[in-house]
């Protein structure tokens, strides 16, 4: 019967150890320190959040303009903008490249040589865009066929067949087509003031049907000794 006391002693010791473990406070894990403002600025530059980084830089400069870290961070941000300008320019987005370059220049005004290369590339790209647009416009011009005007002269005068409504409708259809195709200036010349509104309305409706976005501007002239006619002056390239 001797084993019983030993068993009780073991149980008592186990209870004491268990109680001690339960009463010992559990320490929470150490909190990770949040990055300070300078670290956040560096992270945003590295992750190309450049607009946010620029706002953060301005706030830090307003708070402590003499901090020696600010000059280096400003340069890093400018170089990030310069890099973005080069990247988007290679993708063909000239406007975005120019915007990024302007931010780089603003951040390092004392180092214009750093932006000169990209500036020249943007200027070259803009010229290439303009040359391409002009070539496309001339190609489109060559393909256009005038219905009623002579595009090689300064203006064409079309006498309206007021007495034949069917022929006049055809005339107005052709006039509207040439107006939109050659971006013509329009003058409606009528012998009586009352003749202008309905002729102008008929022409406006036809132009709007061909191109709803076309901004038609009509000048009115009253010539009592002349029949109703429309003068078209094509735009010059």
Protein backbone atom coordinates (compact mmCIF):
# COMPACT_ATOMS: atom_id res chain seq x y z
CA UNK A 1 0.00 0.00 0.00
CA UNK A 2 3.07 2.29 -0.07
CA UNK A 3 2.67 3.46 -3.69
CA UNK A 4 -0.38 5.55 -2.82
CA UNK A 5 1.40 8.38 -0.98
CA UNK A 6 3.87 8.73 -3.86
CA UNK A 7 1.04 8.94 -6.35
CA UNK A 8 -0.60 11.72 -4.32
CA UNK A 9 2.65 13.62 -4.16
CA UNK A 10 3.06 13.44 -7.95
CA UNK A 11 -0.49 14.70 -8.51
CA UNK A 12 0.04 17.59 -6.12
CA UNK A 13 3.27 18.59 -7.84
CA UNK A 14 1.63 18.45 -11.28
CA UNK A 15 -1.24 20.66 -10.05
CA UNK A 16 1.22 23.26 -8.75
CA UNK A 17 3.11 23.38 -12.07
CA UNK A 18 -0.13 23.64 -14.07
CA UNK A 19 -1.38 26.50 -11.90
CA UNK A 20 1.90 28.33 -12.33
CA UNK A 21 1.72 27.99 -16.11
CA UNK A 22 -1.84 29.28 -16.23
CA UNK A 23 -1.10 32.29 -14.05
CA UNK A 24 1.99 33.39 -16.07
CA UNK A 25 0.97 36.32 -18.32
CA UNK A 26 1.21 35.77 -22.08
CA UNK A 27 3.31 38.45 -23.71
CA UNK A 28 1.84 39.85 -26.96
CA UNK A 29 4.02 39.72 -30.08
CA UNK A 30 6.19 42.74 -30.59
CA UNK A 31 4.43 45.30 -32.78
CA UNK A 32 6.10 46.11 -36.10
CA UNK A 33 6.99 49.78 -36.17
CA UNK A 34 5.15 51.71 -38.87
CA UNK A 35 7.43 53.37 -41.42
CA UNK A 36 8.07 57.04 -40.79
CA UNK A 37 7.27 59.76 -43.32
CA UNK A 38 10.67 59.53 -45.00
CA UNK A 39 10.39 55.77 -45.39
CA UNK A 40 6.89 56.12 -46.81
CA UNK A 41 8.20 58.66 -49.30
CA UNK A 42 10.97 56.29 -50.40
CA UNK A 43 8.47 53.43 -50.74
CA UNK A 44 6.16 55.51 -52.93
CA UNK A 45 9.03 56.56 -55.18
CA UNK A 46 10.12 52.93 -55.51
CA UNK A 47 6.55 51.80 -56.33
CA UNK A 48 6.05 54.64 -58.89
CA UNK A 49 3.37 56.38 -56.82
CA UNK A 50 4.99 59.61 -57.90
CA UNK A 51 2.11 62.05 -57.43
CA UNK A 52 1.65 60.83 -53.85
CA UNK A 53 5.40 60.99 -53.29
CA UNK A 54 5.50 64.56 -54.56
CA UNK A 55 2.78 65.58 -52.09
CA UNK A 56 4.68 63.86 -49.27
CA UNK A 57 7.92 65.60 -50.25
CA UNK A 58 6.21 69.00 -50.22
CA UNK A 59 4.78 68.30 -46.77
CA UNK A 60 8.19 67.28 -45.40
CA UNK A 61 9.86 70.33 -46.93
CA UNK A 62 7.26 72.59 -45.33
CA UNK A 63 7.83 70.88 -41.98
CA UNK A 64 11.63 70.85 -41.96
CA UNK A 65 13.26 72.36 -45.02
CA UNK A 66 16.77 71.93 -43.59
CA UNK A 67 16.62 68.15 -43.25
CA UNK A 68 19.60 66.83 -45.26
CA UNK A 69 17.59 63.82 -46.47
CA UNK A 70 15.20 65.96 -48.48
CA UNK A 71 17.62 66.96 -51.23
CA UNK A 72 18.44 63.34 -52.06
CA UNK A 73 14.78 62.31 -51.97
CA UNK A 74 13.88 65.20 -54.26
CA UNK A 75 16.51 64.09 -56.72
CA UNK A 76 15.29 60.48 -56.58
CA UNK A 77 11.75 61.64 -57.28
CA UNK A 78 12.90 63.77 -60.21
CA UNK A 79 14.83 60.85 -61.65
CA UNK A 80 11.75 58.64 -61.25
CA UNK A 81 9.69 61.16 -63.24
CA UNK A 82 12.43 61.32 -65.86
CA UNK A 83 12.43 57.55 -66.13
CA UNK A 84 8.66 57.52 -66.50
CA UNK A 85 8.92 60.12 -69.24
CA UNK A 86 11.34 57.94 -71.17
CA UNK A 87 9.19 54.83 -70.74
CA UNK A 88 5.90 56.37 -71.88
CA UNK A 89 7.66 58.12 -74.76
CA UNK A 90 8.90 54.75 -75.99
CA UNK A 91 5.28 53.58 -75.87
CA UNK A 92 4.27 56.50 -78.07
CA UNK A 93 2.42 58.59 -75.49
CA UNK A 94 4.02 61.97 -76.17
CA UNK A 95 1.65 63.97 -73.96
CA UNK A 96 2.26 61.78 -70.91
CA UNK A 97 5.99 61.95 -71.55
CA UNK A 98 5.88 65.75 -71.68
CA UNK A 99 3.88 65.88 -68.44
CA UNK A 100 6.34 63.63 -66.60
CA UNK A 101 9.27 65.61 -67.98
CA UNK A 102 7.76 68.88 -66.75
CA UNK A 103 7.53 67.43 -63.23
CA UNK A 104 11.16 66.28 -63.40
CA UNK A 105 12.22 69.78 -64.49
CA UNK A 106 10.27 71.39 -61.66
CA UNK A 107 11.98 69.13 -59.14
CA UNK A 108 15.50 69.77 -60.41
CA UNK A 109 15.57 73.23 -61.99
CA UNK A 110 19.30 73.57 -61.32
CA UNK A 111 20.13 70.55 -63.49
CA UNK A 112 18.51 71.22 -66.90
CA UNK A 113 21.07 69.04 -68.67
CA UNK A 114 19.53 65.96 -67.08
CA UNK A 115 16.26 66.55 -68.96
CA UNK A 116 17.64 67.88 -72.24
CA UNK A 117 17.90 64.46 -73.88
CA UNK A 118 14.30 63.52 -73.18
CA UNK A 119 13.16 67.00 -74.13
CA UNK A 120 14.77 66.63 -77.55
CA UNK A 121 13.21 63.20 -78.00
CA UNK A 122 9.76 64.58 -77.15
CA UNK A 123 10.19 67.48 -79.56
CA UNK A 124 11.20 65.03 -82.28
CA UNK A 125 8.22 62.80 -81.49
CA UNK A 126 5.83 65.75 -81.62
CA UNK A 127 7.20 66.80 -85.00
CA UNK A 128 6.80 63.23 -86.24
CA UNK A 129 3.19 63.24 -85.03
CA UNK A 130 2.48 66.53 -86.79
CA UNK A 131 4.14 65.34 -89.99
CA UNK A 132 2.10 62.15 -89.88
CA UNK A 133 -1.16 64.03 -89.27
CA UNK A 134 -0.43 66.43 -92.11
CA UNK A 135 0.39 63.54 -94.46
CA UNK A 136 -2.86 61.80 -93.51
CA UNK A 137 -4.79 65.01 -94.06
CA UNK A 138 -3.26 65.52 -97.48
CA UNK A 139 -3.97 61.89 -98.38
CA UNK A 140 -7.58 62.35 -97.33
CA UNK A 141 -7.71 65.58 -99.29
CA UNK A 142 -6.49 63.80 -102.40
CA UNK A 143 -9.23 61.19 -102.06
CA UNK A 144 -12.06 63.70 -101.72
CA UNK A 145 -14.25 64.31 -104.70
CA UNK A 146 -16.14 67.56 -104.97
CA UNK A 147 -19.74 67.30 -106.04
CA UNK A 148 -20.45 70.88 -106.96
CA UNK A 149 -17.53 73.16 -106.09
CA UNK A 150 -14.09 73.60 -107.61
CA UNK A 151 -11.64 73.03 -104.71
CA UNK A 152 -8.79 74.66 -106.63
CA UNK A 153 -10.40 78.11 -106.66
CA UNK A 154 -11.02 80.42 -103.74
CA UNK A 155 -14.82 80.20 -103.89
CA UNK A 156 -17.68 78.74 -105.90
CA UNK A 157 -21.08 80.37 -106.38
CA UNK A 158 -24.09 78.10 -106.92
CA UNK A 159 -27.29 79.64 -108.20
CA UNK A 160 -30.23 77.84 -106.63
CA UNK A 161 -33.03 76.54 -108.82
CA UNK A 162 -35.76 78.01 -106.67
CA UNK A 163 -38.44 77.32 -109.32
CA UNK A 164 -37.69 73.57 -109.39
CA UNK A 165 -37.91 72.10 -105.89
CA UNK A 166 -36.60 68.67 -106.97
CA UNK A 167 -33.47 70.09 -108.58
CA UNK A 168 -32.94 72.49 -105.68
CA UNK A 169 -33.02 69.59 -103.19
CA UNK A 170 -30.33 67.87 -105.23
CA UNK A 171 -28.29 71.05 -105.24
CA UNK A 172 -28.60 71.40 -101.47
CA UNK A 173 -27.58 67.76 -100.98
CA UNK A 174 -24.44 68.30 -103.05
CA UNK A 175 -23.72 71.61 -101.31
CA UNK A 176 -24.00 70.00 -97.87
CA UNK A 177 -21.65 67.18 -98.96
CA UNK A 178 -19.02 69.65 -100.15
CA UNK A 179 -19.39 71.82 -97.05
CA UNK A 180 -18.55 68.91 -94.74
CA UNK A 181 -15.89 67.41 -97.00
CA UNK A 182 -13.97 70.65 -97.60
CA UNK A 183 -14.89 72.54 -94.42
CA UNK A 184 -16.38 75.35 -96.44
CA UNK A 185 -17.27 78.83 -95.33
CA UNK A 186 -20.89 79.42 -96.36
CA UNK A 187 -22.65 82.55 -97.51
CA UNK A 188 -26.34 82.45 -98.38
CA UNK A 189 -27.19 85.31 -100.71
CA UNK A 190 -30.88 86.06 -101.22
CA UNK A 191 -32.89 88.92 -102.79
CA UNK A 192 -35.33 89.10 -99.89
CA UNK A 193 -34.84 88.79 -96.13
CA UNK A 194 -37.73 86.30 -95.91
CA UNK A 195 -35.94 83.90 -98.27
CA UNK A 196 -33.03 83.33 -95.90
CA UNK A 197 -34.56 81.38 -92.95
CA UNK A 198 -36.06 78.50 -94.89
CA UNK A 199 -33.02 78.09 -97.16
CA UNK A 200 -30.69 78.13 -94.16
CA UNK A 201 -32.88 75.57 -92.37
CA UNK A 202 -32.85 73.20 -95.35
CA UNK A 203 -29.05 73.43 -95.58
CA UNK A 204 -28.45 73.01 -91.83
CA UNK A 205 -30.56 69.85 -91.74
CA UNK A 206 -28.58 68.28 -94.58
CA UNK A 207 -25.22 69.14 -93.06
CA UNK A 208 -26.28 67.77 -89.65
CA UNK A 209 -27.41 64.54 -91.29
CA UNK A 210 -23.98 64.05 -92.88
CA UNK A 211 -21.98 65.10 -89.83
CA UNK A 212 -23.85 65.94 -86.61
CA UNK A 213 -20.67 67.39 -85.06
CA UNK A 214 -19.94 69.80 -87.89
CA UNK A 215 -20.06 73.42 -86.74
CA UNK A 216 -21.78 75.14 -89.63
CA UNK A 217 -21.55 78.91 -89.67
CA UNK A 218 -23.59 80.75 -92.28
CA UNK A 219 -23.31 84.34 -93.35
CA UNK A 220 -26.31 86.09 -94.81
CA UNK A 221 -26.25 88.63 -97.60
CA UNK A 222 -29.21 90.47 -99.06
CA UNK A 223 -28.75 91.30 -102.75
CA UNK A 224 -32.02 92.49 -104.22
CA UNK A 225 -30.76 92.42 -107.78
CA UNK A 226 -29.31 88.90 -107.60
CA UNK A 227 -31.10 85.51 -107.54
CA UNK A 228 -30.85 83.22 -104.53
CA UNK A 229 -27.42 81.61 -104.44
CA UNK A 230 -24.93 80.01 -102.10
CA UNK A 231 -21.23 80.86 -102.05
CA UNK A 232 -18.84 78.17 -100.77
CA UNK A 233 -15.24 78.90 -99.84
CA UNK A 234 -13.23 75.71 -99.04
CA UNK A 235 -10.77 75.85 -96.16
CA UNK A 236 -7.10 75.98 -97.04
CA UNK A 237 -4.71 73.32 -95.78
